Amino acid sequence: MPDPGSWTIGLSGAAAAALCYLIGSIPFGLLLTRLAGLGDIRSIGSGNIGATNVLRTGNKRLAAATLALDASKGAAGALAGGLFAPEGALIGAVAAVIGHMFPVWLGFRGGKGVATGFGALAALAWPSGLIAIAIWLATVLIFRTSSLAALVTTLLAPLHAWYFTDLWTAIAVAIVCALIWIRHHQNIGRLLRGEEPRIGRK
């Protein structure tokens, strides 16, 4: 007969995953642009609900707010998940990013998870979060391409996360980063063809 304690751990993990998925699925980019009278963000640019596409409206403050709120979802997922069980922080971080990428409210068509992933990483290991931000900024300054910066940053994130934390945290970070790469498959194609738009250029 299964150990009752294992059922408790399993239920705690499932509850953490469900709650943090719902936290991550809040579409701040869509909500903010609608409140600002800019219409449906999914009808412009890439159709994405993240900060990069919000920036295409020309409203930098709204894009910054979207970035901050999307990052806060990842951090909140990790912190809320940790309240359920020791391993809940890892479950919550991954679930929040999945919620952002595949929100139930929008037919499972959400963002690419970069800001939410950064927030989750910062909550799990703040030194690793700072390193990730530095890598992203350096790549953007050199290549002026947001998607390339995200890909480079997420490629390296599991390595320094492992250095600052442990193997299980690094695995959770690697899962998030793999999902971000999958969501960037169209960007990767454009990068390989030299067609990916650069920041500040149409």
N, C-alpha and C. Protein backbone atom coordinates (compact mmCIF):
# COMPACT_ATOMS: atom_id res chain seq x y z
N MET A 1 0.85 -1.20 0.00
CA MET A 1 0.00 0.00 0.00
C MET A 1 0.89 1.25 0.00
N PRO A 2 0.58 2.27 -0.85
CA PRO A 2 1.42 3.46 -0.91
C PRO A 2 1.49 4.18 0.43
N ASP A 3 2.63 4.76 0.68
CA ASP A 3 2.84 5.52 1.91
C ASP A 3 1.94 6.76 1.88
N PRO A 4 1.10 7.00 2.90
CA PRO A 4 0.25 8.20 2.92
C PRO A 4 1.04 9.49 2.78
N GLY A 5 2.28 9.45 3.29
CA GLY A 5 3.12 10.65 3.17
C GLY A 5 3.42 10.99 1.73
N SER A 6 3.58 9.96 0.88
CA SER A 6 3.86 10.21 -0.53
C SER A 6 2.67 10.86 -1.22
N TRP A 7 1.44 10.46 -0.78
CA TRP A 7 0.25 11.10 -1.33
C TRP A 7 0.20 12.58 -0.97
N THR A 8 0.59 12.88 0.26
CA THR A 8 0.59 14.28 0.71
C THR A 8 1.56 15.11 -0.11
N ILE A 9 2.76 14.56 -0.33
CA ILE A 9 3.76 15.26 -1.14
C ILE A 9 3.26 15.45 -2.56
N GLY A 10 2.62 14.38 -3.11
CA GLY A 10 2.11 14.46 -4.47
C GLY A 10 1.01 15.50 -4.60
N LEU A 11 0.10 15.54 -3.65
CA LEU A 11 -0.98 16.52 -3.68
C LEU A 11 -0.45 17.94 -3.52
N SER A 12 0.56 18.11 -2.66
CA SER A 12 1.16 19.43 -2.47
C SER A 12 1.81 19.91 -3.76
N GLY A 13 2.52 18.99 -4.43
CA GLY A 13 3.16 19.34 -5.69
C GLY A 13 2.14 19.70 -6.76
N ALA A 14 1.03 18.95 -6.82
CA ALA A 14 -0.01 19.23 -7.81
C ALA A 14 -0.69 20.56 -7.52
N ALA A 15 -0.93 20.83 -6.24
CA ALA A 15 -1.55 22.11 -5.86
C ALA A 15 -0.63 23.27 -6.21
N ALA A 16 0.66 23.11 -5.93
CA ALA A 16 1.63 24.16 -6.26
C ALA A 16 1.67 24.40 -7.76
N ALA A 17 1.67 23.32 -8.54
CA ALA A 17 1.73 23.44 -9.99
C ALA A 17 0.49 24.16 -10.52
N ALA A 18 -0.69 23.79 -10.00
CA ALA A 18 -1.94 24.40 -10.47
C ALA A 18 -2.00 25.89 -10.14
N LEU A 19 -1.67 26.23 -8.89
CA LEU A 19 -1.72 27.63 -8.48
C LEU A 19 -0.74 28.47 -9.28
N CYS A 20 0.48 27.97 -9.43
CA CYS A 20 1.52 28.76 -10.10
C CYS A 20 1.28 28.84 -11.60
N TYR A 21 0.66 27.82 -12.16
CA TYR A 21 0.26 27.90 -13.57
C TYR A 21 -0.73 29.05 -13.76
N LEU A 22 -1.71 29.15 -12.85
CA LEU A 22 -2.70 30.21 -12.95
C LEU A 22 -2.06 31.58 -12.75
N ILE A 23 -1.09 31.67 -11.85
CA ILE A 23 -0.36 32.94 -11.67
C ILE A 23 0.34 33.32 -12.97
N GLY A 24 1.02 32.36 -13.56
CA GLY A 24 1.76 32.63 -14.79
C GLY A 24 0.87 32.94 -15.98
N SER A 25 -0.38 32.47 -15.94
CA SER A 25 -1.26 32.63 -17.10
C SER A 25 -1.95 34.00 -17.16
N ILE A 26 -1.71 34.85 -16.17
CA ILE A 26 -2.31 36.20 -16.22
C ILE A 26 -1.66 36.98 -17.37
N PRO A 27 -2.41 37.36 -18.40
CA PRO A 27 -1.83 38.02 -19.59
C PRO A 27 -1.67 39.53 -19.40
N PHE A 28 -0.67 39.92 -18.65
CA PHE A 28 -0.52 41.34 -18.34
C PHE A 28 -0.36 42.21 -19.58
N GLY A 29 0.38 41.75 -20.57
CA GLY A 29 0.57 42.54 -21.78
C GLY A 29 -0.75 42.85 -22.46
N LEU A 30 -1.62 41.85 -22.55
CA LEU A 30 -2.93 42.04 -23.17
C LEU A 30 -3.81 42.95 -22.32
N LEU A 31 -3.80 42.73 -21.00
CA LEU A 31 -4.64 43.53 -20.11
C LEU A 31 -4.22 45.00 -20.12
N LEU A 32 -2.92 45.25 -20.04
CA LEU A 32 -2.44 46.63 -19.98
C LEU A 32 -2.71 47.39 -21.27
N THR A 33 -2.49 46.75 -22.41
CA THR A 33 -2.73 47.45 -23.68
C THR A 33 -4.21 47.73 -23.88
N ARG A 34 -5.06 46.84 -23.43
CA ARG A 34 -6.50 47.09 -23.54
C ARG A 34 -6.92 48.23 -22.62
N LEU A 35 -6.40 48.23 -21.39
CA LEU A 35 -6.73 49.29 -20.46
C LEU A 35 -6.25 50.65 -20.96
N ALA A 36 -5.14 50.64 -21.71
CA ALA A 36 -4.58 51.88 -22.25
C ALA A 36 -5.27 52.31 -23.54
N GLY A 37 -6.25 51.52 -23.99
CA GLY A 37 -6.96 51.87 -25.20
C GLY A 37 -6.22 51.57 -26.49
N LEU A 38 -5.26 50.64 -26.42
CA LEU A 38 -4.45 50.31 -27.60
C LEU A 38 -4.95 49.07 -28.32
N GLY A 39 -6.07 48.54 -27.89
CA GLY A 39 -6.64 47.39 -28.57
C GLY A 39 -6.02 46.07 -28.15
N ASP A 40 -6.15 45.09 -29.01
CA ASP A 40 -5.66 43.74 -28.74
C ASP A 40 -4.22 43.61 -29.22
N ILE A 41 -3.29 43.42 -28.29
CA ILE A 41 -1.87 43.33 -28.64
C ILE A 41 -1.59 42.17 -29.59
N ARG A 42 -2.47 41.18 -29.60
CA ARG A 42 -2.28 40.01 -30.46
C ARG A 42 -2.51 40.33 -31.93
N SER A 43 -3.05 41.51 -32.21
CA SER A 43 -3.35 41.88 -33.60
C SER A 43 -2.24 42.71 -34.24
N ILE A 44 -1.17 42.97 -33.50
CA ILE A 44 -0.07 43.76 -34.07
C ILE A 44 1.25 43.00 -33.94
N GLY A 45 2.23 43.44 -34.72
CA GLY A 45 3.57 42.87 -34.62
C GLY A 45 3.60 41.37 -34.74
N SER A 46 4.24 40.74 -33.76
CA SER A 46 4.37 39.29 -33.75
C SER A 46 3.12 38.59 -33.23
N GLY A 47 2.18 39.37 -32.68
CA GLY A 47 0.99 38.77 -32.08
C GLY A 47 1.24 38.24 -30.69
N ASN A 48 2.44 38.48 -30.18
CA ASN A 48 2.82 37.99 -28.86
C ASN A 48 2.27 38.90 -27.76
N ILE A 49 2.09 38.36 -26.56
CA ILE A 49 1.54 39.17 -25.45
C ILE A 49 2.64 39.70 -24.53
N GLY A 50 3.90 39.49 -24.91
CA GLY A 50 5.01 39.90 -24.05
C GLY A 50 5.44 41.35 -24.25
N ALA A 51 6.44 41.75 -23.46
CA ALA A 51 6.88 43.15 -23.44
C ALA A 51 7.46 43.60 -24.77
N THR A 52 8.16 42.72 -25.48
CA THR A 52 8.77 43.12 -26.76
C THR A 52 7.71 43.55 -27.75
N ASN A 53 6.60 42.83 -27.79
CA ASN A 53 5.53 43.20 -28.73
C ASN A 53 4.77 44.42 -28.23
N VAL A 54 4.62 44.55 -26.91
CA VAL A 54 3.99 45.75 -26.36
C VAL A 54 4.80 46.99 -26.75
N LEU A 55 6.12 46.85 -26.80
CA LEU A 55 6.98 47.97 -27.18
C LEU A 55 6.67 48.44 -28.60
N ARG A 56 6.17 47.54 -29.44
CA ARG A 56 5.85 47.90 -30.83
C ARG A 56 4.66 48.84 -30.91
N THR A 57 3.93 49.02 -29.80
CA THR A 57 2.85 50.01 -29.79
C THR A 57 3.42 51.42 -29.69
N GLY A 58 4.70 51.52 -29.34
CA GLY A 58 5.33 52.81 -29.15
C GLY A 58 5.25 53.33 -27.73
N ASN A 59 4.61 52.57 -26.86
CA ASN A 59 4.45 52.99 -25.46
C ASN A 59 5.51 52.28 -24.62
N LYS A 60 6.60 52.98 -24.37
CA LYS A 60 7.72 52.38 -23.64
C LYS A 60 7.37 52.11 -22.18
N ARG A 61 6.59 52.99 -21.58
CA ARG A 61 6.22 52.78 -20.17
C ARG A 61 5.35 51.53 -20.02
N LEU A 62 4.46 51.33 -20.97
CA LEU A 62 3.60 50.16 -20.92
C LEU A 62 4.41 48.88 -21.13
N ALA A 63 5.40 48.95 -22.02
CA ALA A 63 6.27 47.80 -22.25
C ALA A 63 7.08 47.48 -21.00
N ALA A 64 7.58 48.54 -20.33
CA ALA A 64 8.35 48.33 -19.10
C ALA A 64 7.48 47.73 -18.00
N ALA A 65 6.24 48.19 -17.91
CA ALA A 65 5.32 47.64 -16.92
C ALA A 65 5.02 46.18 -17.20
N THR A 66 4.83 45.86 -18.48
CA THR A 66 4.59 44.46 -18.87
C THR A 66 5.79 43.59 -18.52
N LEU A 67 6.98 44.10 -18.80
CA LEU A 67 8.20 43.35 -18.48
C LEU A 67 8.29 43.07 -16.98
N ALA A 68 8.05 44.09 -16.18
CA ALA A 68 8.14 43.93 -14.72
C ALA A 68 7.08 42.97 -14.19
N LEU A 69 5.87 43.09 -14.69
CA LEU A 69 4.79 42.24 -14.20
C LEU A 69 4.97 40.79 -14.66
N ASP A 70 5.44 40.60 -15.89
CA ASP A 70 5.69 39.24 -16.37
C ASP A 70 6.82 38.58 -15.57
N ALA A 71 7.85 39.36 -15.26
CA ALA A 71 8.94 38.82 -14.43
C ALA A 71 8.44 38.49 -13.03
N SER A 72 7.55 39.33 -12.52
CA SER A 72 7.02 39.08 -11.17
C SER A 72 6.22 37.79 -11.11
N LYS A 73 5.62 37.38 -12.23
CA LYS A 73 4.88 36.12 -12.26
C LYS A 73 5.82 34.94 -12.01
N GLY A 74 7.00 34.98 -12.64
CA GLY A 74 7.96 33.90 -12.43
C GLY A 74 8.45 33.84 -11.01
N ALA A 75 8.75 35.02 -10.45
CA ALA A 75 9.21 35.07 -9.06
C ALA A 75 8.11 34.62 -8.11
N ALA A 76 6.88 35.08 -8.36
CA ALA A 76 5.76 34.69 -7.51
C ALA A 76 5.50 33.20 -7.58
N GLY A 77 5.67 32.61 -8.77
CA GLY A 77 5.50 31.17 -8.91
C GLY A 77 6.48 30.39 -8.06
N ALA A 78 7.75 30.80 -8.11
CA ALA A 78 8.76 30.12 -7.31
C ALA A 78 8.51 30.29 -5.82
N LEU A 79 8.17 31.50 -5.40
CA LEU A 79 7.95 31.77 -3.98
C LEU A 79 6.68 31.09 -3.48
N ALA A 80 5.60 31.15 -4.26
CA ALA A 80 4.35 30.51 -3.85
C ALA A 80 4.49 29.00 -3.82
N GLY A 81 5.19 28.45 -4.79
CA GLY A 81 5.39 27.01 -4.81
C GLY A 81 6.16 26.52 -3.61
N GLY A 82 7.11 27.32 -3.15
CA GLY A 82 7.91 26.95 -1.99
C GLY A 82 7.11 26.87 -0.71
N LEU A 83 5.94 27.46 -0.69
CA LEU A 83 5.09 27.40 0.50
C LEU A 83 4.44 26.03 0.66
N PHE A 84 4.35 25.27 -0.42
CA PHE A 84 3.69 23.96 -0.38
C PHE A 84 4.64 22.85 0.05
N ALA A 85 5.87 22.90 -0.44
CA ALA A 85 6.84 21.85 -0.14
C ALA A 85 8.22 22.38 -0.51
N PRO A 86 9.29 21.78 0.04
CA PRO A 86 10.64 22.24 -0.29
C PRO A 86 10.92 22.25 -1.80
N GLU A 87 10.43 21.21 -2.48
CA GLU A 87 10.67 21.15 -3.93
C GLU A 87 9.63 21.96 -4.70
N GLY A 88 8.66 22.54 -3.98
CA GLY A 88 7.59 23.28 -4.63
C GLY A 88 8.07 24.52 -5.36
N ALA A 89 9.16 25.12 -4.92
CA ALA A 89 9.69 26.31 -5.59
C ALA A 89 10.07 25.99 -7.03
N LEU A 90 10.67 24.83 -7.24
CA LEU A 90 11.07 24.43 -8.59
C LEU A 90 9.84 24.14 -9.44
N ILE A 91 8.88 23.42 -8.85
CA ILE A 91 7.64 23.13 -9.57
C ILE A 91 6.91 24.43 -9.91
N GLY A 92 6.84 25.33 -8.94
CA GLY A 92 6.15 26.60 -9.15
C GLY A 92 6.80 27.45 -10.23
N ALA A 93 8.12 27.47 -10.26
CA ALA A 93 8.83 28.26 -11.27
C ALA A 93 8.52 27.75 -12.67
N VAL A 94 8.62 26.45 -12.84
CA VAL A 94 8.34 25.87 -14.17
C VAL A 94 6.88 26.07 -14.54
N ALA A 95 5.96 25.85 -13.59
CA ALA A 95 4.53 25.98 -13.87
C ALA A 95 4.16 27.41 -14.25
N ALA A 96 4.77 28.40 -13.60
CA ALA A 96 4.47 29.80 -13.93
C ALA A 96 4.89 30.13 -15.36
N VAL A 97 6.04 29.64 -15.77
CA VAL A 97 6.50 29.89 -17.14
C VAL A 97 5.59 29.20 -18.14
N ILE A 98 5.19 27.96 -17.84
CA ILE A 98 4.26 27.25 -18.72
C ILE A 98 2.94 28.00 -18.80
N GLY A 99 2.48 28.54 -17.66
CA GLY A 99 1.25 29.32 -17.65
C GLY A 99 1.33 30.54 -18.56
N HIS A 100 2.48 31.22 -18.54
CA HIS A 100 2.66 32.38 -19.41
C HIS A 100 2.67 31.98 -20.88
N MET A 101 3.32 30.88 -21.18
CA MET A 101 3.43 30.43 -22.57
C MET A 101 2.12 29.87 -23.11
N PHE A 102 1.39 29.16 -22.24
CA PHE A 102 0.17 28.48 -22.68
C PHE A 102 -0.99 28.79 -21.72
N PRO A 103 -1.44 30.05 -21.70
CA PRO A 103 -2.51 30.44 -20.76
C PRO A 103 -3.87 29.89 -21.19
N VAL A 104 -4.56 29.30 -20.25
CA VAL A 104 -5.86 28.70 -20.56
C VAL A 104 -6.86 29.74 -21.04
N TRP A 105 -6.72 31.00 -20.58
CA TRP A 105 -7.66 32.05 -20.93
C TRP A 105 -7.56 32.48 -22.39
N LEU A 106 -6.42 32.22 -23.02
CA LEU A 106 -6.18 32.69 -24.39
C LEU A 106 -6.03 31.53 -25.36
N GLY A 107 -6.68 30.43 -25.07
CA GLY A 107 -6.59 29.27 -25.95
C GLY A 107 -5.20 28.67 -25.99
N PHE A 108 -4.46 28.80 -24.89
CA PHE A 108 -3.11 28.26 -24.75
C PHE A 108 -2.12 28.89 -25.73
N ARG A 109 -2.39 30.13 -26.12
CA ARG A 109 -1.47 30.87 -26.99
C ARG A 109 -0.99 32.10 -26.24
N GLY A 110 0.20 32.00 -25.66
CA GLY A 110 0.71 33.08 -24.84
C GLY A 110 2.03 33.62 -25.33
N GLY A 111 2.87 34.02 -24.39
CA GLY A 111 4.16 34.61 -24.72
C GLY A 111 5.28 33.59 -24.81
N LYS A 112 6.48 34.10 -24.90
CA LYS A 112 7.64 33.23 -25.09
C LYS A 112 8.39 32.93 -23.80
N GLY A 113 7.99 33.58 -22.71
CA GLY A 113 8.48 33.18 -21.40
C GLY A 113 9.80 33.76 -20.94
N VAL A 114 10.37 34.70 -21.68
CA VAL A 114 11.69 35.20 -21.32
C VAL A 114 11.65 35.98 -20.00
N ALA A 115 10.78 36.98 -19.92
CA ALA A 115 10.70 37.79 -18.69
C ALA A 115 10.26 36.94 -17.51
N THR A 116 9.26 36.09 -17.72
CA THR A 116 8.79 35.22 -16.64
C THR A 116 9.88 34.26 -16.20
N GLY A 117 10.63 33.75 -17.16
CA GLY A 117 11.75 32.88 -16.83
C GLY A 117 12.83 33.59 -16.04
N PHE A 118 13.11 34.85 -16.41
CA PHE A 118 14.09 35.64 -15.65
C PHE A 118 13.64 35.82 -14.21
N GLY A 119 12.36 36.13 -14.04
CA GLY A 119 11.83 36.31 -12.69
C GLY A 119 11.94 35.05 -11.86
N ALA A 120 11.62 33.92 -12.47
CA ALA A 120 11.73 32.64 -11.77
C ALA A 120 13.18 32.34 -11.40
N LEU A 121 14.08 32.59 -12.32
CA LEU A 121 15.50 32.34 -12.07
C LEU A 121 16.01 33.22 -10.93
N ALA A 122 15.62 34.48 -10.92
CA ALA A 122 16.06 35.39 -9.86
C ALA A 122 15.56 34.94 -8.50
N ALA A 123 14.33 34.39 -8.46
CA ALA A 123 13.78 33.92 -7.19
C ALA A 123 14.48 32.65 -6.70
N LEU A 124 14.87 31.81 -7.64
CA LEU A 124 15.54 30.55 -7.26
C LEU A 124 16.99 30.77 -6.89
N ALA A 125 17.65 31.70 -7.58
CA ALA A 125 19.08 31.97 -7.33
C ALA A 125 19.39 33.39 -7.81
N TRP A 126 19.31 34.35 -6.89
CA TRP A 126 19.45 35.75 -7.32
C TRP A 126 20.80 36.06 -7.99
N PRO A 127 21.94 35.44 -7.58
CA PRO A 127 23.17 35.74 -8.32
C PRO A 127 23.08 35.29 -9.78
N SER A 128 22.43 34.16 -9.99
CA SER A 128 22.25 33.66 -11.35
C SER A 128 21.32 34.58 -12.14
N GLY A 129 20.33 35.13 -11.48
CA GLY A 129 19.44 36.08 -12.14
C GLY A 129 20.18 37.33 -12.59
N LEU A 130 21.09 37.83 -11.75
CA LEU A 130 21.87 39.01 -12.12
C LEU A 130 22.80 38.71 -13.30
N ILE A 131 23.38 37.53 -13.29
CA ILE A 131 24.26 37.14 -14.39
C ILE A 131 23.47 37.05 -15.69
N ALA A 132 22.27 36.49 -15.61
CA ALA A 132 21.43 36.36 -16.80
C ALA A 132 21.08 37.73 -17.37
N ILE A 133 20.73 38.68 -16.52
CA ILE A 133 20.41 40.03 -16.98
C ILE A 133 21.63 40.67 -17.64
N ALA A 134 22.81 40.48 -17.05
CA ALA A 134 24.04 41.05 -17.61
C ALA A 134 24.34 40.46 -18.99
N ILE A 135 24.15 39.15 -19.13
CA ILE A 135 24.40 38.49 -20.42
C ILE A 135 23.41 39.00 -21.46
N TRP A 136 22.15 39.14 -21.06
CA TRP A 136 21.13 39.61 -22.00
C TRP A 136 21.46 41.03 -22.47
N LEU A 137 21.79 41.91 -21.53
CA LEU A 137 22.10 43.29 -21.90
C LEU A 137 23.32 43.38 -22.80
N ALA A 138 24.37 42.61 -22.47
CA ALA A 138 25.59 42.64 -23.28
C ALA A 138 25.31 42.15 -24.71
N THR A 139 24.51 41.10 -24.83
CA THR A 139 24.20 40.57 -26.16
C THR A 139 23.36 41.55 -26.96
N VAL A 140 22.40 42.20 -26.30
CA VAL A 140 21.58 43.20 -26.98
C VAL A 140 22.42 44.37 -27.46
N LEU A 141 23.33 44.83 -26.61
CA LEU A 141 24.17 45.97 -26.98
C LEU A 141 25.08 45.65 -28.16
N ILE A 142 25.53 44.41 -28.22
CA ILE A 142 26.46 44.02 -29.30
C ILE A 142 25.71 43.73 -30.60
N PHE A 143 24.63 42.95 -30.51
CA PHE A 143 23.96 42.47 -31.73
C PHE A 143 22.63 43.16 -32.02
N ARG A 144 22.11 43.92 -31.05
CA ARG A 144 20.86 44.66 -31.24
C ARG A 144 19.69 43.75 -31.65
N THR A 145 19.68 42.53 -31.11
CA THR A 145 18.62 41.58 -31.46
C THR A 145 18.10 40.95 -30.18
N SER A 146 16.85 41.22 -29.84
CA SER A 146 16.28 40.75 -28.59
C SER A 146 16.20 39.23 -28.52
N SER A 147 15.77 38.60 -29.61
CA SER A 147 15.62 37.14 -29.59
C SER A 147 16.96 36.44 -29.43
N LEU A 148 18.00 36.95 -30.09
CA LEU A 148 19.33 36.34 -29.94
C LEU A 148 19.82 36.47 -28.51
N ALA A 149 19.56 37.62 -27.90
CA ALA A 149 19.95 37.82 -26.50
C ALA A 149 19.26 36.82 -25.59
N ALA A 150 17.97 36.59 -25.85
CA ALA A 150 17.22 35.61 -25.05
C ALA A 150 17.78 34.21 -25.22
N LEU A 151 18.13 33.84 -26.44
CA LEU A 151 18.65 32.50 -26.72
C LEU A 151 20.02 32.29 -26.07
N VAL A 152 20.89 33.28 -26.18
CA VAL A 152 22.21 33.17 -25.58
C VAL A 152 22.10 33.09 -24.06
N THR A 153 21.26 33.94 -23.50
CA THR A 153 21.09 33.98 -22.04
C THR A 153 20.56 32.66 -21.51
N THR A 154 19.54 32.12 -22.16
CA THR A 154 18.95 30.88 -21.68
C THR A 154 19.83 29.66 -21.96
N LEU A 155 20.70 29.77 -22.92
CA LEU A 155 21.64 28.68 -23.17
C LEU A 155 22.63 28.52 -22.02
N LEU A 156 23.02 29.65 -21.42
CA LEU A 156 24.02 29.64 -20.35
C LEU A 156 23.42 29.55 -18.96
N ALA A 157 22.14 29.89 -18.83
CA ALA A 157 21.53 29.97 -17.50
C ALA A 157 21.62 28.69 -16.67
N PRO A 158 21.37 27.50 -17.24
CA PRO A 158 21.46 26.30 -16.41
C PRO A 158 22.85 26.07 -15.81
N LEU A 159 23.88 26.52 -16.52
CA LEU A 159 25.25 26.30 -16.05
C LEU A 159 25.55 27.12 -14.79
N HIS A 160 25.25 28.42 -14.83
CA HIS A 160 25.56 29.20 -13.62
C HIS A 160 24.52 28.96 -12.53
N ALA A 161 23.31 28.53 -12.90
CA ALA A 161 22.34 28.15 -11.86
C ALA A 161 22.85 26.93 -11.09
N TRP A 162 23.45 26.00 -11.77
CA TRP A 162 24.03 24.82 -11.13
C TRP A 162 25.17 25.22 -10.20
N TYR A 163 25.97 26.18 -10.66
CA TYR A 163 27.11 26.63 -9.86
C TYR A 163 26.65 27.25 -8.54
N PHE A 164 25.58 28.04 -8.60
CA PHE A 164 25.13 28.76 -7.40
C PHE A 164 24.16 27.96 -6.54
N THR A 165 23.54 26.92 -7.09
CA THR A 165 22.54 26.17 -6.33
C THR A 165 22.87 24.69 -6.31
N ASP A 166 22.05 23.88 -6.97
CA ASP A 166 22.26 22.43 -6.98
C ASP A 166 21.74 21.86 -8.30
N LEU A 167 21.90 20.55 -8.44
CA LEU A 167 21.55 19.91 -9.71
C LEU A 167 20.06 20.01 -10.02
N TRP A 168 19.20 19.82 -9.01
CA TRP A 168 17.77 19.85 -9.25
C TRP A 168 17.30 21.22 -9.70
N THR A 169 17.85 22.26 -9.11
CA THR A 169 17.50 23.62 -9.54
C THR A 169 17.97 23.85 -10.97
N ALA A 170 19.18 23.37 -11.27
CA ALA A 170 19.70 23.52 -12.63
C ALA A 170 18.83 22.79 -13.64
N ILE A 171 18.30 21.63 -13.25
CA ILE A 171 17.41 20.88 -14.15
C ILE A 171 16.12 21.66 -14.39
N ALA A 172 15.56 22.24 -13.32
CA ALA A 172 14.34 23.04 -13.47
C ALA A 172 14.60 24.24 -14.39
N VAL A 173 15.74 24.89 -14.20
CA VAL A 173 16.11 26.03 -15.05
C VAL A 173 16.29 25.57 -16.49
N ALA A 174 16.91 24.41 -16.67
CA ALA A 174 17.12 23.87 -18.02
C ALA A 174 15.79 23.58 -18.72
N ILE A 175 14.81 23.09 -17.96
CA ILE A 175 13.49 22.83 -18.54
C ILE A 175 12.86 24.14 -19.02
N VAL A 176 12.94 25.17 -18.18
CA VAL A 176 12.40 26.47 -18.56
C VAL A 176 13.10 27.00 -19.81
N CYS A 177 14.42 26.89 -19.83
CA CYS A 177 15.20 27.41 -20.96
C CYS A 177 14.90 26.63 -22.24
N ALA A 178 14.71 25.32 -22.12
CA ALA A 178 14.36 24.51 -23.29
C ALA A 178 13.01 24.94 -23.86
N LEU A 179 12.05 25.21 -22.97
CA LEU A 179 10.74 25.69 -23.41
C LEU A 179 10.86 27.04 -24.13
N ILE A 180 11.72 27.91 -23.60
CA ILE A 180 11.92 29.22 -24.24
C ILE A 180 12.51 29.05 -25.63
N TRP A 181 13.46 28.13 -25.78
CA TRP A 181 14.04 27.86 -27.10
C TRP A 181 12.97 27.33 -28.06
N ILE A 182 12.12 26.44 -27.58
CA ILE A 182 11.06 25.89 -28.42
C ILE A 182 10.12 27.01 -28.88
N ARG A 183 9.78 27.90 -27.96
CA ARG A 183 8.88 29.01 -28.30
C ARG A 183 9.53 30.01 -29.26
N HIS A 184 10.85 29.97 -29.36
CA HIS A 184 11.57 30.86 -30.27
C HIS A 184 11.92 30.19 -31.60
N HIS A 185 11.25 29.12 -31.95
CA HIS A 185 11.66 28.38 -33.16
C HIS A 185 11.55 29.23 -34.42
N GLN A 186 10.55 30.10 -34.49
CA GLN A 186 10.44 30.97 -35.66
C GLN A 186 11.56 32.01 -35.67
N ASN A 187 11.89 32.54 -34.50
CA ASN A 187 13.00 33.51 -34.42
C ASN A 187 14.32 32.86 -34.83
N ILE A 188 14.51 31.61 -34.41
CA ILE A 188 15.74 30.90 -34.78
C ILE A 188 15.84 30.76 -36.29
N GLY A 189 14.73 30.44 -36.94
CA GLY A 189 14.72 30.34 -38.40
C GLY A 189 15.09 31.66 -39.05
N ARG A 190 14.53 32.77 -38.54
CA ARG A 190 14.84 34.07 -39.11
C ARG A 190 16.29 34.47 -38.85
N LEU A 191 16.80 34.12 -37.66
CA LEU A 191 18.21 34.41 -37.36
C LEU A 191 19.14 33.68 -38.33
N LEU A 192 18.83 32.43 -38.61
CA LEU A 192 19.67 31.65 -39.52
C LEU A 192 19.61 32.20 -40.94
N ARG A 193 18.47 32.80 -41.30
CA ARG A 193 18.33 33.38 -42.64
C ARG A 193 18.77 34.84 -42.69
N GLY A 194 19.13 35.40 -41.53
CA GLY A 194 19.54 36.80 -41.48
C GLY A 194 18.38 37.76 -41.63
N GLU A 195 17.17 37.32 -41.26
CA GLU A 195 15.97 38.13 -41.45
C GLU A 195 15.37 38.63 -40.13
N GLU A 196 15.98 38.30 -39.01
CA GLU A 196 15.42 38.71 -37.73
C GLU A 196 15.59 40.22 -37.54
N PRO A 197 14.50 40.94 -37.26
CA PRO A 197 14.59 42.40 -37.10
C PRO A 197 15.44 42.77 -35.88
N ARG A 198 16.14 43.88 -36.00
CA ARG A 198 16.97 44.36 -34.91
C ARG A 198 16.25 45.47 -34.15
N ILE A 199 16.64 45.64 -32.91
CA ILE A 199 16.03 46.68 -32.07
C ILE A 199 16.32 48.05 -32.66
N GLY A 200 15.27 48.86 -32.79
CA GLY A 200 15.44 50.21 -33.34
C GLY A 200 15.32 50.29 -34.85
N ARG A 201 15.14 49.11 -35.50
CA ARG A 201 14.97 49.11 -36.95
C ARG A 201 13.64 48.47 -37.31
N LYS A 202 13.03 48.95 -38.38
CA LYS A 202 11.76 48.37 -38.86
C LYS A 202 12.05 47.15 -39.70
